[in-house]
Amino acid sequence: MAFINVYAKSTGEKHRIPEHWLDVPSLSKQFTKTPRQRKADERAAAKRSDPVATTPEAAIVADDETPATGDQKES
């Protein structure tokens, strides 16, 4: 179970709550994520969406598409 940092909307106090509480409307309406927590969530989402060559075939295709340097004379 992951905990996240939030602010209580009513008092402005900082708390650590289980992340799944934000999935429950009656619990989530009283909290907002901290700016640091929002940024961490954005970084995690971006990291998950980055394409990565996970198979040898994908790595070969990625190598083939990379231009060779130094093979041609500059004009």
PDB file of N, CA and C in Angstrom:
ATOM      1  N   MET A   1       0.862  -1.171   0.000  1.00  0.00           N
ATOM      2  CA  MET A   1       0.000   0.000   0.000  1.00  0.00           C
ATOM      3  C   MET A   1       0.903   1.227   0.000  1.00  0.00           C
ATOM      4  N   ALA A   2       0.659   2.131  -0.935  1.00  0.00           N
ATOM      5  CA  ALA A   2       1.451   3.349  -1.056  1.00  0.00           C
ATOM      6  C   ALA A   2       0.762   4.498  -0.335  1.00  0.00           C
ATOM      7  N   PHE A   3       1.568   5.282   0.348  1.00  0.00           N
ATOM      8  CA  PHE A   3       1.063   6.477   1.005  1.00  0.00           C
ATOM      9  C   PHE A   3       1.492   7.699   0.211  1.00  0.00           C
ATOM     10  N   ILE A   4       0.640   8.725   0.216  1.00  0.00           N
ATOM     11  CA  ILE A   4       0.960   9.957  -0.498  1.00  0.00           C
ATOM     12  C   ILE A   4       0.765  11.146   0.434  1.00  0.00           C
ATOM     13  N   ASN A   5       1.408  12.257   0.091  1.00  0.00           N
ATOM     14  CA  ASN A   5       1.282  13.489   0.861  1.00  0.00           C
ATOM     15  C   ASN A   5       0.124  14.311   0.315  1.00  0.00           C
ATOM     16  N   VAL A   6      -0.704  14.802   1.217  1.00  0.00           N
ATOM     17  CA  VAL A   6      -1.863  15.614   0.837  1.00  0.00           C
ATOM     18  C   VAL A   6      -2.030  16.745   1.846  1.00  0.00           C
ATOM     19  N   TYR A   7      -2.822  17.738   1.440  1.00  0.00           N
ATOM     20  CA  TYR A   7      -3.240  18.793   2.350  1.00  0.00           C
ATOM     21  C   TYR A   7      -4.727  18.620   2.625  1.00  0.00           C
ATOM     22  N   ALA A   8      -5.134  18.840   3.875  1.00  0.00           N
ATOM     23  CA  ALA A   8      -6.553  18.854   4.217  1.00  0.00           C
ATOM     24  C   ALA A   8      -7.118  20.185   3.733  1.00  0.00           C
ATOM     25  N   LYS A   9      -8.197  20.148   2.968  1.00  0.00           N
ATOM     26  CA  LYS A   9      -8.785  21.378   2.421  1.00  0.00           C
ATOM     27  C   LYS A   9      -9.323  22.286   3.525  1.00  0.00           C
ATOM     28  N   SER A  10      -9.851  21.704   4.590  1.00  0.00           N
ATOM     29  CA  SER A  10     -10.482  22.505   5.627  1.00  0.00           C
ATOM     30  C   SER A  10      -9.473  23.229   6.513  1.00  0.00           C
ATOM     31  N   THR A  11      -8.330  22.596   6.798  1.00  0.00           N
ATOM     32  CA  THR A  11      -7.366  23.203   7.722  1.00  0.00           C
ATOM     33  C   THR A  11      -6.050  23.579   7.066  1.00  0.00           C
ATOM     34  N   GLY A  12      -5.748  23.001   5.915  1.00  0.00           N
ATOM     35  CA  GLY A  12      -4.475  23.254   5.260  1.00  0.00           C
ATOM     36  C   GLY A  12      -3.329  22.435   5.830  1.00  0.00           C
ATOM     37  N   GLU A  13      -3.630  21.549   6.770  1.00  0.00           N
ATOM     38  CA  GLU A  13      -2.583  20.722   7.373  1.00  0.00           C
ATOM     39  C   GLU A  13      -2.144  19.627   6.412  1.00  0.00           C
ATOM     40  N   LYS A  14      -0.879  19.275   6.519  1.00  0.00           N
ATOM     41  CA  LYS A  14      -0.312  18.232   5.664  1.00  0.00           C
ATOM     42  C   LYS A  14      -0.509  16.876   6.340  1.00  0.00           C
ATOM     43  N   HIS A  15      -0.895  15.864   5.518  1.00  0.00           N
ATOM     44  CA  HIS A  15      -1.123  14.509   6.017  1.00  0.00           C
ATOM     45  C   HIS A  15      -0.547  13.500   5.038  1.00  0.00           C
ATOM     46  N   ARG A  16      -0.337  12.281   5.524  1.00  0.00           N
ATOM     47  CA  ARG A  16       0.013  11.145   4.663  1.00  0.00           C
ATOM     48  C   ARG A  16      -1.158  10.172   4.745  1.00  0.00           C
ATOM     49  N   ILE A  17      -1.712   9.865   3.570  1.00  0.00           N
ATOM     50  CA  ILE A  17      -2.868   8.972   3.521  1.00  0.00           C
ATOM     51  C   ILE A  17      -2.592   7.862   2.517  1.00  0.00           C
ATOM     52  N   PRO A  18      -3.318   6.740   2.629  1.00  0.00           N
ATOM     53  CA  PRO A  18      -3.190   5.698   1.597  1.00  0.00           C
ATOM     54  C   PRO A  18      -3.674   6.249   0.252  1.00  0.00           C
ATOM     55  N   GLU A  19      -2.939   5.929  -0.793  1.00  0.00           N
ATOM     56  CA  GLU A  19      -3.243   6.468  -2.121  1.00  0.00           C
ATOM     57  C   GLU A  19      -4.648   6.111  -2.593  1.00  0.00           C
ATOM     58  N   HIS A  20      -5.129   4.931  -2.237  1.00  0.00           N
ATOM     59  CA  HIS A  20      -6.443   4.511  -2.734  1.00  0.00           C
ATOM     60  C   HIS A  20      -7.583   5.321  -2.131  1.00  0.00           C
ATOM     61  N   TRP A  21      -7.331   6.105  -1.095  1.00  0.00           N
ATOM     62  CA  TRP A  21      -8.379   6.962  -0.543  1.00  0.00           C
ATOM     63  C   TRP A  21      -8.836   7.990  -1.570  1.00  0.00           C
ATOM     64  N   LEU A  22      -7.966   8.388  -2.470  1.00  0.00           N
ATOM     65  CA  LEU A  22      -8.359   9.391  -3.465  1.00  0.00           C
ATOM     66  C   LEU A  22      -9.284   8.809  -4.524  1.00  0.00           C
ATOM     67  N   ASP A  23      -9.433   7.492  -4.554  1.00  0.00           N
ATOM     68  CA  ASP A  23     -10.374   6.855  -5.468  1.00  0.00           C
ATOM     69  C   ASP A  23     -11.798   6.851  -4.916  1.00  0.00           C
ATOM     70  N   VAL A  24     -11.951   7.138  -3.627  1.00  0.00           N
ATOM     71  CA  VAL A  24     -13.263   7.139  -2.968  1.00  0.00           C
ATOM     72  C   VAL A  24     -13.736   8.591  -2.862  1.00  0.00           C
ATOM     73  N   PRO A  25     -14.813   8.954  -3.568  1.00  0.00           N
ATOM     74  CA  PRO A  25     -15.261  10.355  -3.591  1.00  0.00           C
ATOM     75  C   PRO A  25     -15.520  10.958  -2.211  1.00  0.00           C
ATOM     76  N   SER A  26     -16.095  10.189  -1.296  1.00  0.00           N
ATOM     77  CA  SER A  26     -16.397  10.746   0.025  1.00  0.00           C
ATOM     78  C   SER A  26     -15.131  11.043   0.826  1.00  0.00           C
ATOM     79  N   LEU A  27     -14.040  10.343   0.547  1.00  0.00           N
ATOM     80  CA  LEU A  27     -12.782  10.609   1.232  1.00  0.00           C
ATOM     81  C   LEU A  27     -11.934  11.642   0.503  1.00  0.00           C
ATOM     82  N   SER A  28     -11.934  11.581  -0.821  1.00  0.00           N
ATOM     83  CA  SER A  28     -11.036  12.437  -1.593  1.00  0.00           C
ATOM     84  C   SER A  28     -11.459  13.901  -1.617  1.00  0.00           C
ATOM     85  N   LYS A  29     -12.743  14.186  -1.391  1.00  0.00           N
ATOM     86  CA  LYS A  29     -13.186  15.574  -1.498  1.00  0.00           C
ATOM     87  C   LYS A  29     -12.592  16.466  -0.409  1.00  0.00           C
ATOM     88  N   GLN A  30     -12.055  15.880   0.649  1.00  0.00           N
ATOM     89  CA  GLN A  30     -11.475  16.697   1.710  1.00  0.00           C
ATOM     90  C   GLN A  30      -9.959  16.858   1.615  1.00  0.00           C
ATOM     91  N   PHE A  31      -9.327  16.283   0.580  1.00  0.00           N
ATOM     92  CA  PHE A  31      -7.877  16.344   0.436  1.00  0.00           C
ATOM     93  C   PHE A  31      -7.470  16.836  -0.946  1.00  0.00           C
ATOM     94  N   THR A  32      -6.297  17.485  -1.017  1.00  0.00           N
ATOM     95  CA  THR A  32      -5.655  17.807  -2.288  1.00  0.00           C
ATOM     96  C   THR A  32      -4.206  17.351  -2.186  1.00  0.00           C
ATOM     97  N   LYS A  33      -3.661  16.897  -3.306  1.00  0.00           N
ATOM     98  CA  LYS A  33      -2.268  16.467  -3.317  1.00  0.00           C
ATOM     99  C   LYS A  33      -1.359  17.687  -3.169  1.00  0.00           C
ATOM    100  N   THR A  34      -0.204  17.472  -2.558  1.00  0.00           N
ATOM    101  CA  THR A  34       0.784  18.536  -2.457  1.00  0.00           C
ATOM    102  C   THR A  34       1.407  18.753  -3.833  1.00  0.00           C
ATOM    103  N   PRO A  35       1.953  19.942  -4.100  1.00  0.00           N
ATOM    104  CA  PRO A  35       2.607  20.166  -5.392  1.00  0.00           C
ATOM    105  C   PRO A  35       3.720  19.151  -5.662  1.00  0.00           C
ATOM    106  N   ARG A  36       4.472  18.798  -4.638  1.00  0.00           N
ATOM    107  CA  ARG A  36       5.545  17.816  -4.807  1.00  0.00           C
ATOM    108  C   ARG A  36       4.969  16.454  -5.192  1.00  0.00           C
ATOM    109  N   GLN A  37       3.846  16.074  -4.595  1.00  0.00           N
ATOM    110  CA  GLN A  37       3.220  14.783  -4.907  1.00  0.00           C
ATOM    111  C   GLN A  37       2.668  14.784  -6.323  1.00  0.00           C
ATOM    112  N   ARG A  38       2.063  15.900  -6.756  1.00  0.00           N
ATOM    113  CA  ARG A  38       1.556  15.986  -8.128  1.00  0.00           C
ATOM    114  C   ARG A  38       2.692  15.844  -9.130  1.00  0.00           C
ATOM    115  N   LYS A  39       3.829  16.495  -8.859  1.00  0.00           N
ATOM    116  CA  LYS A  39       4.983  16.418  -9.758  1.00  0.00           C
ATOM    117  C   LYS A  39       5.534  14.990  -9.795  1.00  0.00           C
ATOM    118  N   ALA A  40       5.577  14.324  -8.649  1.00  0.00           N
ATOM    119  CA  ALA A  40       6.048  12.936  -8.600  1.00  0.00           C
ATOM    120  C   ALA A  40       5.132  12.027  -9.405  1.00  0.00           C
ATOM    121  N   ASP A  41       3.830  12.266  -9.330  1.00  0.00           N
ATOM    122  CA  ASP A  41       2.870  11.479 -10.106  1.00  0.00           C
ATOM    123  C   ASP A  41       3.063  11.706 -11.608  1.00  0.00           C
ATOM    124  N   GLU A  42       3.317  12.957 -11.997  1.00  0.00           N
ATOM    125  CA  GLU A  42       3.548  13.261 -13.415  1.00  0.00           C
ATOM    126  C   GLU A  42       4.809  12.564 -13.926  1.00  0.00           C
ATOM    127  N   ARG A  43       5.877  12.594 -13.115  1.00  0.00           N
ATOM    128  CA  ARG A  43       7.121  11.927 -13.513  1.00  0.00           C
ATOM    129  C   ARG A  43       6.915  10.423 -13.642  1.00  0.00           C
ATOM    130  N   ALA A  44       6.171   9.833 -12.715  1.00  0.00           N
ATOM    131  CA  ALA A  44       5.913   8.392 -12.767  1.00  0.00           C
ATOM    132  C   ALA A  44       5.090   8.036 -14.002  1.00  0.00           C
ATOM    133  N   ALA A  45       4.109   8.860 -14.342  1.00  0.00           N
ATOM    134  CA  ALA A  45       3.292   8.601 -15.533  1.00  0.00           C
ATOM    135  C   ALA A  45       4.127   8.727 -16.798  1.00  0.00           C
ATOM    136  N   ALA A  46       5.004   9.716 -16.837  1.00  0.00           N
ATOM    137  CA  ALA A  46       5.862   9.894 -18.012  1.00  0.00           C
ATOM    138  C   ALA A  46       6.838   8.732 -18.148  1.00  0.00           C
ATOM    139  N   LYS A  47       7.319   8.262 -17.038  1.00  0.00           N
ATOM    140  CA  LYS A  47       8.266   7.132 -17.061  1.00  0.00           C
ATOM    141  C   LYS A  47       7.583   5.865 -17.581  1.00  0.00           C
ATOM    142  N   ARG A  48       6.322   5.672 -17.199  1.00  0.00           N
ATOM    143  CA  ARG A  48       5.588   4.489 -17.661  1.00  0.00           C
ATOM    144  C   ARG A  48       5.274   4.567 -19.142  1.00  0.00           C
ATOM    145  N   SER A  49       5.124   5.769 -19.685  1.00  0.00           N
ATOM    146  CA  SER A  49       4.721   5.901 -21.082  1.00  0.00           C
ATOM    147  C   SER A  49       5.905   5.968 -22.037  1.00  0.00           C
ATOM    148  N   ASP A  50       7.141   6.055 -21.545  1.00  0.00           N
ATOM    149  CA  ASP A  50       8.315   6.092 -22.430  1.00  0.00           C
ATOM    150  C   ASP A  50       8.475   4.758 -23.129  1.00  0.00           C
ATOM    151  N   PRO A  51       8.633   4.789 -24.471  1.00  0.00           N
ATOM    152  CA  PRO A  51       8.837   3.525 -25.186  1.00  0.00           C
ATOM    153  C   PRO A  51      10.244   2.984 -24.917  1.00  0.00           C
ATOM    154  N   VAL A  52      10.298   1.717 -24.624  1.00  0.00           N
ATOM    155  CA  VAL A  52      11.568   1.057 -24.333  1.00  0.00           C
ATOM    156  C   VAL A  52      11.638  -0.216 -25.167  1.00  0.00           C
ATOM    157  N   ALA A  53      12.799  -0.475 -25.741  1.00  0.00           N
ATOM    158  CA  ALA A  53      12.987  -1.701 -26.517  1.00  0.00           C
ATOM    159  C   ALA A  53      13.053  -2.871 -25.536  1.00  0.00           C
ATOM    160  N   THR A  54      11.982  -3.648 -25.486  1.00  0.00           N
ATOM    161  CA  THR A  54      11.918  -4.726 -24.509  1.00  0.00           C
ATOM    162  C   THR A  54      12.275  -6.075 -25.109  1.00  0.00           C
ATOM    163  N   THR A  55      12.309  -6.152 -26.428  1.00  0.00           N
ATOM    164  CA  THR A  55      12.650  -7.417 -27.071  1.00  0.00           C
ATOM    165  C   THR A  55      13.888  -7.210 -27.939  1.00  0.00           C
ATOM    166  N   PRO A  56      14.635  -8.262 -28.212  1.00  0.00           N
ATOM    167  CA  PRO A  56      15.811  -8.119 -29.077  1.00  0.00           C
ATOM    168  C   PRO A  56      15.455  -7.592 -30.465  1.00  0.00           C
ATOM    169  N   GLU A  57      14.288  -7.981 -31.003  1.00  0.00           N
ATOM    170  CA  GLU A  57      13.878  -7.504 -32.318  1.00  0.00           C
ATOM    171  C   GLU A  57      13.661  -5.997 -32.300  1.00  0.00           C
ATOM    172  N   ALA A  58      13.059  -5.483 -31.251  1.00  0.00           N
ATOM    173  CA  ALA A  58      12.824  -4.052 -31.137  1.00  0.00           C
ATOM    174  C   ALA A  58      14.146  -3.300 -31.012  1.00  0.00           C
ATOM    175  N   ALA A  59      15.101  -3.874 -30.318  1.00  0.00           N
ATOM    176  CA  ALA A  59      16.407  -3.233 -30.177  1.00  0.00           C
ATOM    177  C   ALA A  59      17.124  -3.172 -31.522  1.00  0.00           C
ATOM    178  N   ILE A  60      16.987  -4.206 -32.333  1.00  0.00           N
ATOM    179  CA  ILE A  60      17.626  -4.224 -33.652  1.00  0.00           C
ATOM    180  C   ILE A  60      17.019  -3.147 -34.542  1.00  0.00           C
ATOM    181  N   VAL A  61      15.701  -3.030 -34.516  1.00  0.00           N
ATOM    182  CA  VAL A  61      15.024  -2.002 -35.315  1.00  0.00           C
ATOM    183  C   VAL A  61      15.487  -0.633 -34.858  1.00  0.00           C
ATOM    184  N   ALA A  62      15.602  -0.415 -33.565  1.00  0.00           N
ATOM    185  CA  ALA A  62      16.042   0.874 -33.045  1.00  0.00           C
ATOM    186  C   ALA A  62      17.467   1.174 -33.496  1.00  0.00           C
ATOM    187  N   ASP A  63      18.331   0.164 -33.522  1.00  0.00           N
ATOM    188  CA  ASP A  63      19.711   0.369 -33.983  1.00  0.00           C
ATOM    189  C   ASP A  63      19.751   0.689 -35.469  1.00  0.00           C
ATOM    190  N   ASP A  64      18.905   0.051 -36.260  1.00  0.00           N
ATOM    191  CA  ASP A  64      18.894   0.285 -37.707  1.00  0.00           C
ATOM    192  C   ASP A  64      18.434   1.695 -38.054  1.00  0.00           C
ATOM    193  N   GLU A  65      17.576   2.281 -37.246  1.00  0.00           N
ATOM    194  CA  GLU A  65      17.040   3.597 -37.530  1.00  0.00           C
ATOM    195  C   GLU A  65      17.980   4.716 -37.091  1.00  0.00           C
ATOM    196  N   THR A  66      19.008   4.387 -36.321  1.00  0.00           N
ATOM    197  CA  THR A  66      19.948   5.389 -35.849  1.00  0.00           C
ATOM    198  C   THR A  66      20.904   5.751 -36.967  1.00  0.00           C
ATOM    199  N   PRO A  67      21.048   7.036 -37.313  1.00  0.00           N
ATOM    200  CA  PRO A  67      21.964   7.402 -38.397  1.00  0.00           C
ATOM    201  C   PRO A  67      23.410   7.202 -37.975  1.00  0.00           C
ATOM    202  N   ALA A  68      24.211   6.762 -38.918  1.00  0.00           N
ATOM    203  CA  ALA A  68      25.633   6.561 -38.669  1.00  0.00           C
ATOM    204  C   ALA A  68      26.325   7.906 -38.698  1.00  0.00           C
ATOM    205  N   THR A  69      27.273   8.106 -37.804  1.00  0.00           N
ATOM    206  CA  THR A  69      28.006   9.365 -37.777  1.00  0.00           C
ATOM    207  C   THR A  69      29.389   9.155 -38.376  1.00  0.00           C
ATOM    208  N   GLY A  70      29.856  10.133 -39.099  1.00  0.00           N
ATOM    209  CA  GLY A  70      31.185  10.086 -39.645  1.00  0.00           C
ATOM    210  C   GLY A  70      31.312   9.306 -40.946  1.00  0.00           C
ATOM    211  N   ASP A  71      30.207   8.769 -41.463  1.00  0.00           N
ATOM    212  CA  ASP A  71      30.280   7.987 -42.692  1.00  0.00           C
ATOM    213  C   ASP A  71      30.260   8.858 -43.944  1.00  0.00           C
ATOM    214  N   GLN A  72      29.675  10.029 -43.837  1.00  0.00           N
ATOM    215  CA  GLN A  72      29.566  10.895 -45.008  1.00  0.00           C
ATOM    216  C   GLN A  72      30.349  12.179 -44.789  1.00  0.00           C
ATOM    217  N   LYS A  73      30.860  12.723 -45.861  1.00  0.00           N
ATOM    218  CA  LYS A  73      31.600  13.967 -45.798  1.00  0.00           C
ATOM    219  C   LYS A  73      30.609  15.121 -45.682  1.00  0.00           C
ATOM    220  N   GLU A  74      30.898  16.052 -44.772  1.00  0.00           N
ATOM    221  CA  GLU A  74      30.026  17.210 -44.619  1.00  0.00           C
ATOM    222  C   GLU A  74      30.226  18.165 -45.777  1.00  0.00           C
ATOM    223  N   SER A  75      29.142  18.799 -46.218  1.00  0.00           N
ATOM    224  CA  SER A  75      29.269  19.750 -47.316  1.00  0.00           C
ATOM    225  C   SER A  75      29.265  21.168 -46.834  1.00  0.00           C
TER     226      SER A  75
END
